[in-house]
């Protein structure tokens, strides 16, 4: 974002539409994925030290 960032109606509507879409699609997730997403994270320190694994997924078209 730039230093001159201002709250704009178009940005608000775009983000609202994205959130509504995600909320609507969440019902399409398999039960196992919904249960996995519902698990609270095990945050010990709240720093990068909590990270145990990093997965990098690369896809080409």
N, C-alpha and C. Protein backbone atom coordinates (compact mmCIF):
# COMPACT_ATOMS: atom_id res chain seq x y z
N UNK A 1 0.84 -1.18 0.00
CA UNK A 1 0.00 0.00 0.00
C UNK A 1 0.88 1.24 0.00
N UNK A 2 0.37 2.27 -0.54
CA UNK A 2 1.11 3.52 -0.57
C UNK A 2 0.83 4.32 0.69
N UNK A 3 1.61 5.36 0.87
CA UNK A 3 1.41 6.21 2.04
C UNK A 3 0.10 6.99 1.93
N UNK A 4 -0.37 7.22 0.72
CA UNK A 4 -1.59 7.99 0.50
C UNK A 4 -2.83 7.11 0.43
N UNK A 5 -2.77 5.92 1.00
CA UNK A 5 -3.89 4.99 0.94
C UNK A 5 -5.07 5.56 1.68
N UNK A 6 -6.22 5.52 1.03
CA UNK A 6 -7.45 5.98 1.66
C UNK A 6 -8.48 4.87 1.54
N UNK A 7 -9.40 4.85 2.47
CA UNK A 7 -10.47 3.86 2.45
C UNK A 7 -11.44 4.26 1.35
N UNK A 8 -11.59 3.38 0.38
CA UNK A 8 -12.45 3.67 -0.76
C UNK A 8 -13.63 2.70 -0.79
N UNK A 9 -14.74 3.19 -1.28
CA UNK A 9 -15.96 2.38 -1.35
C UNK A 9 -15.75 1.15 -2.22
N UNK A 10 -15.09 1.33 -3.34
CA UNK A 10 -14.86 0.21 -4.27
C UNK A 10 -14.02 -0.88 -3.60
N UNK A 11 -13.00 -0.49 -2.85
CA UNK A 11 -12.17 -1.46 -2.14
C UNK A 11 -12.99 -2.20 -1.09
N UNK A 12 -13.81 -1.45 -0.37
CA UNK A 12 -14.66 -2.07 0.65
C UNK A 12 -15.61 -3.09 0.03
N UNK A 13 -16.23 -2.72 -1.09
CA UNK A 13 -17.16 -3.64 -1.75
C UNK A 13 -16.44 -4.87 -2.29
N UNK A 14 -15.24 -4.68 -2.82
CA UNK A 14 -14.47 -5.80 -3.35
C UNK A 14 -14.13 -6.79 -2.25
N UNK A 15 -13.64 -6.27 -1.13
CA UNK A 15 -13.27 -7.16 -0.02
C UNK A 15 -14.50 -7.81 0.61
N UNK A 16 -15.60 -7.08 0.66
CA UNK A 16 -16.84 -7.65 1.17
C UNK A 16 -17.34 -8.79 0.29
N UNK A 17 -17.24 -8.61 -1.02
CA UNK A 17 -17.65 -9.66 -1.95
C UNK A 17 -16.75 -10.88 -1.83
N UNK A 18 -15.46 -10.65 -1.65
CA UNK A 18 -14.54 -11.77 -1.48
C UNK A 18 -14.85 -12.54 -0.20
N UNK A 19 -15.11 -11.84 0.87
CA UNK A 19 -15.43 -12.50 2.14
C UNK A 19 -16.73 -13.29 2.03
N UNK A 20 -17.72 -12.72 1.36
CA UNK A 20 -19.00 -13.42 1.20
C UNK A 20 -18.83 -14.67 0.35
N UNK A 21 -18.00 -14.59 -0.68
CA UNK A 21 -17.75 -15.75 -1.53
C UNK A 21 -17.08 -16.86 -0.73
N UNK A 22 -16.06 -16.50 0.05
CA UNK A 22 -15.38 -17.51 0.86
C UNK A 22 -16.32 -18.13 1.89
N UNK A 23 -17.16 -17.31 2.49
CA UNK A 23 -18.11 -17.84 3.47
C UNK A 23 -19.09 -18.80 2.80
N UNK A 24 -19.52 -18.47 1.61
CA UNK A 24 -20.44 -19.34 0.89
C UNK A 24 -19.80 -20.64 0.45
N UNK A 25 -18.54 -20.58 0.05
CA UNK A 25 -17.85 -21.77 -0.41
C UNK A 25 -17.39 -22.67 0.73
N UNK A 26 -17.33 -22.14 1.94
CA UNK A 26 -16.85 -22.95 3.06
C UNK A 26 -17.73 -24.17 3.30
N UNK A 27 -18.99 -24.10 2.93
CA UNK A 27 -19.88 -25.24 3.07
C UNK A 27 -19.57 -26.36 2.08
N UNK A 28 -18.78 -26.05 1.06
CA UNK A 28 -18.43 -27.05 0.06
C UNK A 28 -17.19 -27.86 0.44
N UNK A 29 -16.49 -27.43 1.49
CA UNK A 29 -15.30 -28.16 1.93
C UNK A 29 -15.69 -29.53 2.47
N UNK A 30 -14.86 -30.54 2.24
CA UNK A 30 -15.12 -31.85 2.85
C UNK A 30 -15.09 -31.74 4.38
N UNK A 31 -15.77 -32.64 5.02
CA UNK A 31 -15.85 -32.62 6.49
C UNK A 31 -14.47 -32.65 7.13
N UNK A 32 -13.55 -33.44 6.59
CA UNK A 32 -12.21 -33.53 7.18
C UNK A 32 -11.49 -32.19 7.12
N UNK A 33 -11.66 -31.46 6.03
CA UNK A 33 -11.01 -30.15 5.91
C UNK A 33 -11.64 -29.14 6.86
N UNK A 34 -12.96 -29.20 7.02
CA UNK A 34 -13.63 -28.28 7.96
C UNK A 34 -13.17 -28.54 9.39
N UNK A 35 -12.99 -29.81 9.75
CA UNK A 35 -12.51 -30.12 11.10
C UNK A 35 -11.08 -29.64 11.29
N UNK A 36 -10.25 -29.80 10.26
CA UNK A 36 -8.86 -29.36 10.36
C UNK A 36 -8.78 -27.84 10.50
N UNK A 37 -9.62 -27.11 9.78
CA UNK A 37 -9.61 -25.66 9.87
C UNK A 37 -10.16 -25.16 11.21
N UNK A 38 -10.96 -25.98 11.88
CA UNK A 38 -11.55 -25.58 13.16
C UNK A 38 -10.59 -25.75 14.33
N UNK A 39 -9.48 -26.46 14.13
CA UNK A 39 -8.52 -26.70 15.21
C UNK A 39 -7.77 -25.41 15.52
N UNK A 40 -7.72 -25.06 16.79
CA UNK A 40 -6.98 -23.86 17.21
C UNK A 40 -5.48 -24.10 17.07
N UNK A 41 -4.72 -23.12 16.62
CA UNK A 41 -3.27 -23.29 16.49
C UNK A 41 -2.60 -23.39 17.85
N UNK A 42 -1.51 -24.13 17.89
CA UNK A 42 -0.73 -24.29 19.13
C UNK A 42 0.34 -23.21 19.15
N UNK A 43 -0.04 -22.03 19.63
CA UNK A 43 0.88 -20.90 19.65
C UNK A 43 1.59 -20.87 21.00
N UNK A 44 2.88 -21.06 20.95
CA UNK A 44 3.65 -21.05 22.20
C UNK A 44 4.23 -19.67 22.49
N UNK A 45 4.93 -19.11 21.50
CA UNK A 45 5.59 -17.83 21.74
C UNK A 45 5.04 -16.71 20.85
N UNK A 46 4.35 -17.07 19.77
CA UNK A 46 3.85 -16.07 18.85
C UNK A 46 4.93 -15.48 17.97
N UNK A 47 6.06 -16.17 17.86
CA UNK A 47 7.17 -15.69 17.04
C UNK A 47 7.48 -16.73 15.97
N UNK A 48 8.47 -16.45 15.16
CA UNK A 48 8.90 -17.37 14.11
C UNK A 48 9.45 -18.67 14.70
N UNK A 49 9.79 -18.66 15.96
CA UNK A 49 10.31 -19.86 16.62
C UNK A 49 9.25 -20.96 16.69
N UNK A 50 7.98 -20.61 16.57
CA UNK A 50 6.91 -21.61 16.59
C UNK A 50 6.84 -22.42 15.30
N UNK A 51 7.47 -21.94 14.23
CA UNK A 51 7.40 -22.61 12.93
C UNK A 51 8.28 -23.84 12.94
N UNK A 52 7.70 -24.99 12.59
CA UNK A 52 8.46 -26.23 12.52
C UNK A 52 8.73 -26.65 11.08
N UNK A 53 7.79 -26.38 10.18
CA UNK A 53 7.93 -26.80 8.79
C UNK A 53 7.45 -25.68 7.87
N UNK A 54 8.08 -25.59 6.72
CA UNK A 54 7.64 -24.67 5.67
C UNK A 54 7.44 -25.50 4.41
N UNK A 55 6.28 -25.39 3.81
CA UNK A 55 5.97 -26.12 2.58
C UNK A 55 5.86 -25.10 1.45
N UNK A 56 6.61 -25.34 0.38
CA UNK A 56 6.56 -24.46 -0.79
C UNK A 56 5.96 -25.25 -1.94
N UNK A 57 4.84 -24.76 -2.44
CA UNK A 57 4.15 -25.42 -3.54
C UNK A 57 4.29 -24.55 -4.77
N UNK A 58 4.87 -25.12 -5.83
CA UNK A 58 5.03 -24.38 -7.08
C UNK A 58 4.23 -25.08 -8.17
N UNK A 59 3.48 -24.30 -8.91
CA UNK A 59 2.70 -24.84 -10.01
C UNK A 59 3.00 -24.04 -11.27
N UNK A 60 3.08 -24.75 -12.37
CA UNK A 60 3.27 -24.08 -13.65
C UNK A 60 2.06 -24.35 -14.52
N UNK A 61 1.74 -23.39 -15.35
CA UNK A 61 0.59 -23.60 -16.24
C UNK A 61 1.04 -23.93 -17.63
